[in-house]
Amino acid sequence: MKAITGNLLTNGSVVYLADNDQWTLQRNEAARFDDDDVAPVLTAAQSRVREITDAYIIDVSADGAPAGRAVIRESIRGAGPTVRGDLGIQAECCA
């Protein structure tokens, strides 16, 4: 299974393309696609340059969790910058 992810232009948040063709912050709400169906969806997502940047395909499991080589990268992207603990999403949880 595949999903589409990118970053919001307004604040850099990691987002996922949902079934309703909207961007969601929740990875488990991401639409999932078969390998053969994902390419045209990615092309459409990449054309939405006023909303997001760097849209690309990730491998996901049936429940929407990253799979394969995407596991580590997507975990880091979802948590925010790794250089300082007082920035990004990780700072919000512990402030």
PDB file of N, CA and C in Angstrom:
ATOM      1  N   MET A   1       0.833  -1.176   0.000  1.00  0.00           N
ATOM      2  CA  MET A   1       0.000   0.000   0.000  1.00  0.00           C
ATOM      3  C   MET A   1       0.885   1.249   0.000  1.00  0.00           C
ATOM      4  N   LYS A   2       0.335   2.308  -0.560  1.00  0.00           N
ATOM      5  CA  LYS A   2       1.044   3.585  -0.663  1.00  0.00           C
ATOM      6  C   LYS A   2       0.166   4.705  -0.114  1.00  0.00           C
ATOM      7  N   ALA A   3       0.801   5.791   0.314  1.00  0.00           N
ATOM      8  CA  ALA A   3       0.121   7.016   0.722  1.00  0.00           C
ATOM      9  C   ALA A   3       0.915   8.189   0.178  1.00  0.00           C
ATOM     10  N   ILE A   4       0.286   9.357   0.160  1.00  0.00           N
ATOM     11  CA  ILE A   4       0.929  10.592  -0.307  1.00  0.00           C
ATOM     12  C   ILE A   4       1.155  11.498   0.897  1.00  0.00           C
ATOM     13  N   THR A   5       2.363  12.026   1.020  1.00  0.00           N
ATOM     14  CA  THR A   5       2.686  12.939   2.108  1.00  0.00           C
ATOM     15  C   THR A   5       3.387  14.170   1.549  1.00  0.00           C
ATOM     16  N   GLY A   6       3.422  15.218   2.332  1.00  0.00           N
ATOM     17  CA  GLY A   6       4.097  16.458   1.966  1.00  0.00           C
ATOM     18  C   GLY A   6       4.152  17.368   3.181  1.00  0.00           C
ATOM     19  N   ASN A   7       4.470  18.621   2.962  1.00  0.00           N
ATOM     20  CA  ASN A   7       4.533  19.607   4.034  1.00  0.00           C
ATOM     21  C   ASN A   7       3.701  20.815   3.660  1.00  0.00           C
ATOM     22  N   LEU A   8       2.939  21.330   4.627  1.00  0.00           N
ATOM     23  CA  LEU A   8       2.161  22.549   4.396  1.00  0.00           C
ATOM     24  C   LEU A   8       3.090  23.730   4.168  1.00  0.00           C
ATOM     25  N   LEU A   9       2.752  24.571   3.226  1.00  0.00           N
ATOM     26  CA  LEU A   9       3.554  25.760   2.977  1.00  0.00           C
ATOM     27  C   LEU A   9       3.410  26.790   4.087  1.00  0.00           C
ATOM     28  N   THR A  10       2.262  26.810   4.756  1.00  0.00           N
ATOM     29  CA  THR A  10       2.021  27.834   5.771  1.00  0.00           C
ATOM     30  C   THR A  10       2.881  27.681   7.010  1.00  0.00           C
ATOM     31  N   ASN A  11       3.146  26.425   7.431  1.00  0.00           N
ATOM     32  CA  ASN A  11       3.906  26.244   8.668  1.00  0.00           C
ATOM     33  C   ASN A  11       4.863  25.044   8.654  1.00  0.00           C
ATOM     34  N   GLY A  12       4.935  24.329   7.540  1.00  0.00           N
ATOM     35  CA  GLY A  12       5.856  23.205   7.419  1.00  0.00           C
ATOM     36  C   GLY A  12       5.380  21.903   8.014  1.00  0.00           C
ATOM     37  N   SER A  13       4.164  21.864   8.550  1.00  0.00           N
ATOM     38  CA  SER A  13       3.657  20.636   9.157  1.00  0.00           C
ATOM     39  C   SER A  13       3.599  19.498   8.150  1.00  0.00           C
ATOM     40  N   VAL A  14       3.882  18.300   8.635  1.00  0.00           N
ATOM     41  CA  VAL A  14       3.767  17.100   7.815  1.00  0.00           C
ATOM     42  C   VAL A  14       2.291  16.784   7.641  1.00  0.00           C
ATOM     43  N   VAL A  15       1.875  16.572   6.400  1.00  0.00           N
ATOM     44  CA  VAL A  15       0.481  16.256   6.110  1.00  0.00           C
ATOM     45  C   VAL A  15       0.389  15.035   5.207  1.00  0.00           C
ATOM     46  N   TYR A  16      -0.807  14.459   5.192  1.00  0.00           N
ATOM     47  CA  TYR A  16      -1.093  13.276   4.388  1.00  0.00           C
ATOM     48  C   TYR A  16      -2.380  13.523   3.612  1.00  0.00           C
ATOM     49  N   LEU A  17      -2.425  13.041   2.390  1.00  0.00           N
ATOM     50  CA  LEU A  17      -3.619  13.196   1.572  1.00  0.00           C
ATOM     51  C   LEU A  17      -4.675  12.211   2.052  1.00  0.00           C
ATOM     52  N   ALA A  18      -5.843  12.718   2.419  1.00  0.00           N
ATOM     53  CA  ALA A  18      -6.940  11.891   2.927  1.00  0.00           C
ATOM     54  C   ALA A  18      -7.884  11.493   1.798  1.00  0.00           C
ATOM     55  N   ASP A  19      -8.815  10.606   2.110  1.00  0.00           N
ATOM     56  CA  ASP A  19      -9.786  10.132   1.118  1.00  0.00           C
ATOM     57  C   ASP A  19     -10.646  11.254   0.548  1.00  0.00           C
ATOM     58  N   ASN A  20     -10.851  12.322   1.308  1.00  0.00           N
ATOM     59  CA  ASN A  20     -11.693  13.427   0.846  1.00  0.00           C
ATOM     60  C   ASN A  20     -10.914  14.455   0.021  1.00  0.00           C
ATOM     61  N   ASP A  21      -9.699  14.099  -0.399  1.00  0.00           N
ATOM     62  CA  ASP A  21      -8.829  14.953  -1.206  1.00  0.00           C
ATOM     63  C   ASP A  21      -8.376  16.207  -0.458  1.00  0.00           C
ATOM     64  N   GLN A  22      -8.420  16.150   0.861  1.00  0.00           N
ATOM     65  CA  GLN A  22      -7.927  17.222   1.712  1.00  0.00           C
ATOM     66  C   GLN A  22      -6.662  16.730   2.406  1.00  0.00           C
ATOM     67  N   TRP A  23      -5.880  17.650   2.943  1.00  0.00           N
ATOM     68  CA  TRP A  23      -4.668  17.292   3.672  1.00  0.00           C
ATOM     69  C   TRP A  23      -5.008  17.142   5.141  1.00  0.00           C
ATOM     70  N   THR A  24      -4.465  16.123   5.773  1.00  0.00           N
ATOM     71  CA  THR A  24      -4.695  15.867   7.186  1.00  0.00           C
ATOM     72  C   THR A  24      -3.359  15.737   7.917  1.00  0.00           C
ATOM     73  N   LEU A  25      -3.350  16.143   9.170  1.00  0.00           N
ATOM     74  CA  LEU A  25      -2.165  15.996  10.008  1.00  0.00           C
ATOM     75  C   LEU A  25      -2.065  14.592  10.596  1.00  0.00           C
ATOM     76  N   GLN A  26      -3.151  13.844  10.520  1.00  0.00           N
ATOM     77  CA  GLN A  26      -3.220  12.516  11.124  1.00  0.00           C
ATOM     78  C   GLN A  26      -2.835  11.435  10.122  1.00  0.00           C
ATOM     79  N   ARG A  27      -1.733  10.752  10.373  1.00  0.00           N
ATOM     80  CA  ARG A  27      -1.255   9.723   9.454  1.00  0.00           C
ATOM     81  C   ARG A  27      -2.279   8.607   9.272  1.00  0.00           C
ATOM     82  N   ASN A  28      -3.006   8.255  10.321  1.00  0.00           N
ATOM     83  CA  ASN A  28      -3.985   7.176  10.209  1.00  0.00           C
ATOM     84  C   ASN A  28      -5.202   7.557   9.370  1.00  0.00           C
ATOM     85  N   GLU A  29      -5.355   8.829   9.010  1.00  0.00           N
ATOM     86  CA  GLU A  29      -6.442   9.279   8.143  1.00  0.00           C
ATOM     87  C   GLU A  29      -6.021   9.360   6.678  1.00  0.00           C
ATOM     88  N   ALA A  30      -4.781   9.008   6.386  1.00  0.00           N
ATOM     89  CA  ALA A  30      -4.276   9.079   5.010  1.00  0.00           C
ATOM     90  C   ALA A  30      -4.986   8.063   4.127  1.00  0.00           C
ATOM     91  N   ALA A  31      -5.292   8.485   2.907  1.00  0.00           N
ATOM     92  CA  ALA A  31      -5.836   7.558   1.914  1.00  0.00           C
ATOM     93  C   ALA A  31      -4.737   6.574   1.537  1.00  0.00           C
ATOM     94  N   ARG A  32      -5.107   5.343   1.300  1.00  0.00           N
ATOM     95  CA  ARG A  32      -4.146   4.320   0.915  1.00  0.00           C
ATOM     96  C   ARG A  32      -4.456   3.852  -0.503  1.00  0.00           C
ATOM     97  N   PHE A  33      -3.410   3.657  -1.286  1.00  0.00           N
ATOM     98  CA  PHE A  33      -3.546   3.323  -2.694  1.00  0.00           C
ATOM     99  C   PHE A  33      -2.739   2.080  -3.031  1.00  0.00           C
ATOM    100  N   ASP A  34      -3.216   1.337  -4.017  1.00  0.00           N
ATOM    101  CA  ASP A  34      -2.429   0.247  -4.574  1.00  0.00           C
ATOM    102  C   ASP A  34      -1.313   0.848  -5.422  1.00  0.00           C
ATOM    103  N   ASP A  35      -0.268   0.082  -5.634  1.00  0.00           N
ATOM    104  CA  ASP A  35       0.880   0.561  -6.406  1.00  0.00           C
ATOM    105  C   ASP A  35       0.480   1.105  -7.773  1.00  0.00           C
ATOM    106  N   ASP A  36      -0.450   0.449  -8.436  1.00  0.00           N
ATOM    107  CA  ASP A  36      -0.842   0.846  -9.788  1.00  0.00           C
ATOM    108  C   ASP A  36      -1.684   2.119  -9.820  1.00  0.00           C
ATOM    109  N   ASP A  37      -2.293   2.490  -8.706  1.00  0.00           N
ATOM    110  CA  ASP A  37      -3.228   3.619  -8.683  1.00  0.00           C
ATOM    111  C   ASP A  37      -2.634   4.918  -8.147  1.00  0.00           C
ATOM    112  N   VAL A  38      -1.444   4.870  -7.574  1.00  0.00           N
ATOM    113  CA  VAL A  38      -0.927   6.012  -6.845  1.00  0.00           C
ATOM    114  C   VAL A  38      -0.288   7.086  -7.727  1.00  0.00           C
ATOM    115  N   ALA A  39       0.267   6.740  -8.871  1.00  0.00           N
ATOM    116  CA  ALA A  39       0.995   7.719  -9.704  1.00  0.00           C
ATOM    117  C   ALA A  39       0.140   8.912 -10.124  1.00  0.00           C
ATOM    118  N   PRO A  40      -1.090   8.717 -10.652  1.00  0.00           N
ATOM    119  CA  PRO A  40      -1.872   9.902 -11.025  1.00  0.00           C
ATOM    120  C   PRO A  40      -2.292  10.744  -9.823  1.00  0.00           C
ATOM    121  N   VAL A  41      -2.473  10.121  -8.675  1.00  0.00           N
ATOM    122  CA  VAL A  41      -2.826  10.866  -7.467  1.00  0.00           C
ATOM    123  C   VAL A  41      -1.645  11.732  -7.029  1.00  0.00           C
ATOM    124  N   LEU A  42      -0.446  11.186  -7.115  1.00  0.00           N
ATOM    125  CA  LEU A  42       0.751  11.958  -6.778  1.00  0.00           C
ATOM    126  C   LEU A  42       0.905  13.153  -7.712  1.00  0.00           C
ATOM    127  N   THR A  43       0.698  12.947  -8.995  1.00  0.00           N
ATOM    128  CA  THR A  43       0.799  14.044  -9.956  1.00  0.00           C
ATOM    129  C   THR A  43      -0.176  15.160  -9.604  1.00  0.00           C
ATOM    130  N   ALA A  44      -1.400  14.795  -9.256  1.00  0.00           N
ATOM    131  CA  ALA A  44      -2.401  15.795  -8.875  1.00  0.00           C
ATOM    132  C   ALA A  44      -1.986  16.508  -7.582  1.00  0.00           C
ATOM    133  N   ALA A  45      -1.459  15.765  -6.624  1.00  0.00           N
ATOM    134  CA  ALA A  45      -1.029  16.368  -5.357  1.00  0.00           C
ATOM    135  C   ALA A  45       0.133  17.325  -5.580  1.00  0.00           C
ATOM    136  N   GLN A  46       1.070  16.954  -6.425  1.00  0.00           N
ATOM    137  CA  GLN A  46       2.222  17.811  -6.690  1.00  0.00           C
ATOM    138  C   GLN A  46       1.827  19.097  -7.402  1.00  0.00           C
ATOM    139  N   SER A  47       0.690  19.102  -8.073  1.00  0.00           N
ATOM    140  CA  SER A  47       0.243  20.314  -8.762  1.00  0.00           C
ATOM    141  C   SER A  47      -0.379  21.325  -7.800  1.00  0.00           C
ATOM    142  N   ARG A  48      -0.620  20.927  -6.578  1.00  0.00           N
ATOM    143  CA  ARG A  48      -1.234  21.818  -5.589  1.00  0.00           C
ATOM    144  C   ARG A  48      -0.152  22.626  -4.865  1.00  0.00           C
ATOM    145  N   VAL A  49       0.660  23.334  -5.641  1.00  0.00           N
ATOM    146  CA  VAL A  49       1.853  24.012  -5.122  1.00  0.00           C
ATOM    147  C   VAL A  49       1.540  25.192  -4.205  1.00  0.00           C
ATOM    148  N   ARG A  50       0.316  25.642  -4.169  1.00  0.00           N
ATOM    149  CA  ARG A  50      -0.034  26.739  -3.258  1.00  0.00           C
ATOM    150  C   ARG A  50      -0.410  26.234  -1.873  1.00  0.00           C
ATOM    151  N   GLU A  51      -0.509  24.912  -1.718  1.00  0.00           N
ATOM    152  CA  GLU A  51      -0.878  24.317  -0.439  1.00  0.00           C
ATOM    153  C   GLU A  51       0.290  23.595   0.230  1.00  0.00           C
ATOM    154  N   ILE A  52       0.997  22.793  -0.543  1.00  0.00           N
ATOM    155  CA  ILE A  52       2.031  21.930   0.023  1.00  0.00           C
ATOM    156  C   ILE A  52       3.292  21.964  -0.818  1.00  0.00           C
ATOM    157  N   THR A  53       4.350  21.448  -0.238  1.00  0.00           N
ATOM    158  CA  THR A  53       5.604  21.286  -0.952  1.00  0.00           C
ATOM    159  C   THR A  53       6.107  19.866  -0.749  1.00  0.00           C
ATOM    160  N   ASP A  54       6.894  19.398  -1.691  1.00  0.00           N
ATOM    161  CA  ASP A  54       7.572  18.120  -1.569  1.00  0.00           C
ATOM    162  C   ASP A  54       6.636  16.931  -1.403  1.00  0.00           C
ATOM    163  N   ALA A  55       5.557  16.880  -2.174  1.00  0.00           N
ATOM    164  CA  ALA A  55       4.662  15.717  -2.110  1.00  0.00           C
ATOM    165  C   ALA A  55       5.365  14.503  -2.700  1.00  0.00           C
ATOM    166  N   TYR A  56       5.266  13.389  -2.001  1.00  0.00           N
ATOM    167  CA  TYR A  56       5.855  12.154  -2.491  1.00  0.00           C
ATOM    168  C   TYR A  56       5.107  10.948  -1.924  1.00  0.00           C
ATOM    169  N   ILE A  57       5.414   9.795  -2.459  1.00  0.00           N
ATOM    170  CA  ILE A  57       4.773   8.541  -2.082  1.00  0.00           C
ATOM    171  C   ILE A  57       5.564   7.872  -0.967  1.00  0.00           C
ATOM    172  N   ILE A  58       4.841   7.334   0.020  1.00  0.00           N
ATOM    173  CA  ILE A  58       5.484   6.509   1.037  1.00  0.00           C
ATOM    174  C   ILE A  58       4.785   5.153   1.080  1.00  0.00           C
ATOM    175  N   ASP A  59       5.533   4.138   1.492  1.00  0.00           N
ATOM    176  CA  ASP A  59       4.957   2.819   1.727  1.00  0.00           C
ATOM    177  C   ASP A  59       4.283   2.829   3.085  1.00  0.00           C
ATOM    178  N   VAL A  60       3.070   2.285   3.139  1.00  0.00           N
ATOM    179  CA  VAL A  60       2.345   2.186   4.406  1.00  0.00           C
ATOM    180  C   VAL A  60       1.754   0.791   4.557  1.00  0.00           C
ATOM    181  N   SER A  61       1.493   0.429   5.797  1.00  0.00           N
ATOM    182  CA  SER A  61       0.819  -0.833   6.068  1.00  0.00           C
ATOM    183  C   SER A  61      -0.687  -0.622   5.948  1.00  0.00           C
ATOM    184  N   ALA A  62      -1.453  -1.661   6.136  1.00  0.00           N
ATOM    185  CA  ALA A  62      -2.910  -1.578   6.001  1.00  0.00           C
ATOM    186  C   ALA A  62      -3.527  -0.586   6.981  1.00  0.00           C
ATOM    187  N   ASP A  63      -2.887  -0.369   8.132  1.00  0.00           N
ATOM    188  CA  ASP A  63      -3.427   0.578   9.113  1.00  0.00           C
ATOM    189  C   ASP A  63      -2.883   1.993   8.942  1.00  0.00           C
ATOM    190  N   GLY A  64      -2.072   2.226   7.908  1.00  0.00           N
ATOM    191  CA  GLY A  64      -1.562   3.551   7.615  1.00  0.00           C
ATOM    192  C   GLY A  64      -0.214   3.879   8.205  1.00  0.00           C
ATOM    193  N   ALA A  65       0.359   2.968   8.976  1.00  0.00           N
ATOM    194  CA  ALA A  65       1.685   3.204   9.561  1.00  0.00           C
ATOM    195  C   ALA A  65       2.747   3.064   8.477  1.00  0.00           C
ATOM    196  N   PRO A  66       3.807   3.868   8.547  1.00  0.00           N
ATOM    197  CA  PRO A  66       4.874   3.732   7.555  1.00  0.00           C
ATOM    198  C   PRO A  66       5.408   2.301   7.529  1.00  0.00           C
ATOM    199  N   ALA A  67       5.809   1.859   6.369  1.00  0.00           N
ATOM    200  CA  ALA A  67       6.334   0.504   6.201  1.00  0.00           C
ATOM    201  C   ALA A  67       7.629   0.574   5.417  1.00  0.00           C
ATOM    202  N   GLY A  68       8.388  -0.487   5.472  1.00  0.00           N
ATOM    203  CA  GLY A  68       9.623  -0.556   4.704  1.00  0.00           C
ATOM    204  C   GLY A  68      10.630   0.479   5.148  1.00  0.00           C
ATOM    205  N   ARG A  69      11.330   1.046   4.186  1.00  0.00           N
ATOM    206  CA  ARG A  69      12.392   2.010   4.488  1.00  0.00           C
ATOM    207  C   ARG A  69      11.853   3.339   4.989  1.00  0.00           C
ATOM    208  N   ALA A  70      10.561   3.579   4.866  1.00  0.00           N
ATOM    209  CA  ALA A  70       9.982   4.860   5.270  1.00  0.00           C
ATOM    210  C   ALA A  70       9.802   4.987   6.779  1.00  0.00           C
ATOM    211  N   VAL A  71       9.900   3.915   7.517  1.00  0.00           N
ATOM    212  CA  VAL A  71       9.571   3.935   8.942  1.00  0.00           C
ATOM    213  C   VAL A  71      10.372   4.982   9.703  1.00  0.00           C
ATOM    214  N   ILE A  72      11.670   4.947   9.616  1.00  0.00           N
ATOM    215  CA  ILE A  72      12.504   5.864  10.395  1.00  0.00           C
ATOM    216  C   ILE A  72      12.343   7.298   9.907  1.00  0.00           C
ATOM    217  N   ARG A  73      12.416   7.502   8.599  1.00  0.00           N
ATOM    218  CA  ARG A  73      12.319   8.865   8.059  1.00  0.00           C
ATOM    219  C   ARG A  73      10.991   9.511   8.434  1.00  0.00           C
ATOM    220  N   GLU A  74       9.894   8.789   8.266  1.00  0.00           N
ATOM    221  CA  GLU A  74       8.579   9.361   8.544  1.00  0.00           C
ATOM    222  C   GLU A  74       8.362   9.591  10.034  1.00  0.00           C
ATOM    223  N   SER A  75       8.955   8.774  10.878  1.00  0.00           N
ATOM    224  CA  SER A  75       8.868   9.003  12.321  1.00  0.00           C
ATOM    225  C   SER A  75       9.566  10.310  12.697  1.00  0.00           C
ATOM    226  N   ILE A  76      10.727  10.555  12.114  1.00  0.00           N
ATOM    227  CA  ILE A  76      11.457  11.799  12.375  1.00  0.00           C
ATOM    228  C   ILE A  76      10.694  12.992  11.815  1.00  0.00           C
ATOM    229  N   ARG A  77      10.187  12.891  10.572  1.00  0.00           N
ATOM    230  CA  ARG A  77       9.437  14.004   9.989  1.00  0.00           C
ATOM    231  C   ARG A  77       8.230  14.355  10.832  1.00  0.00           C
ATOM    232  N   GLY A  78       7.518  13.354  11.326  1.00  0.00           N
ATOM    233  CA  GLY A  78       6.309  13.597  12.098  1.00  0.00           C
ATOM    234  C   GLY A  78       6.565  14.218  13.456  1.00  0.00           C
ATOM    235  N   ALA A  79       7.769  14.024  13.998  1.00  0.00           N
ATOM    236  CA  ALA A  79       8.096  14.537  15.327  1.00  0.00           C
ATOM    237  C   ALA A  79       8.707  15.924  15.286  1.00  0.00           C
ATOM    238  N   GLY A  80       9.121  16.390  14.141  1.00  0.00           N
ATOM    239  CA  GLY A  80       9.711  17.712  14.053  1.00  0.00           C
ATOM    240  C   GLY A  80      11.226  17.668  13.998  1.00  0.00           C
ATOM    241  N   PRO A  81      11.881  18.816  14.082  1.00  0.00           N
ATOM    242  CA  PRO A  81      13.331  18.874  13.927  1.00  0.00           C
ATOM    243  C   PRO A  81      14.051  18.092  15.013  1.00  0.00           C
ATOM    244  N   THR A  82      15.187  17.528  14.646  1.00  0.00           N
ATOM    245  CA  THR A  82      15.947  16.720  15.595  1.00  0.00           C
ATOM    246  C   THR A  82      17.088  17.500  16.248  1.00  0.00           C
ATOM    247  N   VAL A  83      17.288  18.737  15.852  1.00  0.00           N
ATOM    248  CA  VAL A  83      18.432  19.485  16.361  1.00  0.00           C
ATOM    249  C   VAL A  83      18.179  20.113  17.723  1.00  0.00           C
ATOM    250  N   ARG A  84      16.917  20.421  18.036  1.00  0.00           N
ATOM    251  CA  ARG A  84      16.600  21.049  19.323  1.00  0.00           C
ATOM    252  C   ARG A  84      15.256  20.525  19.811  1.00  0.00           C
ATOM    253  N   GLY A  85      15.215  20.122  21.043  1.00  0.00           N
ATOM    254  CA  GLY A  85      13.984  19.598  21.624  1.00  0.00           C
ATOM    255  C   GLY A  85      12.950  20.651  21.945  1.00  0.00           C
ATOM    256  N   ASP A  86      13.326  21.925  21.892  1.00  0.00           N
ATOM    257  CA  ASP A  86      12.386  22.991  22.215  1.00  0.00           C
ATOM    258  C   ASP A  86      11.697  23.557  20.975  1.00  0.00           C
ATOM    259  N   LEU A  87      11.890  22.913  19.824  1.00  0.00           N
ATOM    260  CA  LEU A  87      11.260  23.341  18.582  1.00  0.00           C
ATOM    261  C   LEU A  87      10.352  22.245  18.049  1.00  0.00           C
ATOM    262  N   GLY A  88       9.398  22.633  17.226  1.00  0.00           N
ATOM    263  CA  GLY A  88       8.575  21.652  16.532  1.00  0.00           C
ATOM    264  C   GLY A  88       7.520  20.991  17.402  1.00  0.00           C
ATOM    265  N   ILE A  89       6.985  19.923  16.887  1.00  0.00           N
ATOM    266  CA  ILE A  89       5.884  19.214  17.535  1.00  0.00           C
ATOM    267  C   ILE A  89       6.320  18.653  18.880  1.00  0.00           C
ATOM    268  N   GLN A  90       7.551  18.146  18.977  1.00  0.00           N
ATOM    269  CA  GLN A  90       7.993  17.551  20.239  1.00  0.00           C
ATOM    270  C   GLN A  90       8.003  18.570  21.375  1.00  0.00           C
ATOM    271  N   ALA A  91       8.190  19.852  21.080  1.00  0.00           N
ATOM    272  CA  ALA A  91       8.179  20.880  22.115  1.00  0.00           C
ATOM    273  C   ALA A  91       6.769  21.116  22.639  1.00  0.00           C
ATOM    274  N   GLU A  92       5.778  20.964  21.787  1.00  0.00           N
ATOM    275  CA  GLU A  92       4.389  21.185  22.182  1.00  0.00           C
ATOM    276  C   GLU A  92       3.925  20.150  23.196  1.00  0.00           C
ATOM    277  N   CYS A  93       4.419  18.925  23.087  1.00  0.00           N
ATOM    278  CA  CYS A  93       3.961  17.873  23.993  1.00  0.00           C
ATOM    279  C   CYS A  93       4.477  18.043  25.400  1.00  0.00           C
ATOM    280  N   CYS A  94       5.623  18.708  25.534  1.00  0.00           N
ATOM    281  CA  CYS A  94       6.291  18.716  26.841  1.00  0.00           C
ATOM    282  C   CYS A  94       6.401  20.115  27.447  1.00  0.00           C
ATOM    283  N   ALA A  95       5.773  21.077  26.852  1.00  0.00           N
ATOM    284  CA  ALA A  95       5.900  22.458  27.346  1.00  0.00           C
ATOM    285  C   ALA A  95       5.068  22.694  28.575  1.00  0.00           C
TER     286      ALA A  95
END
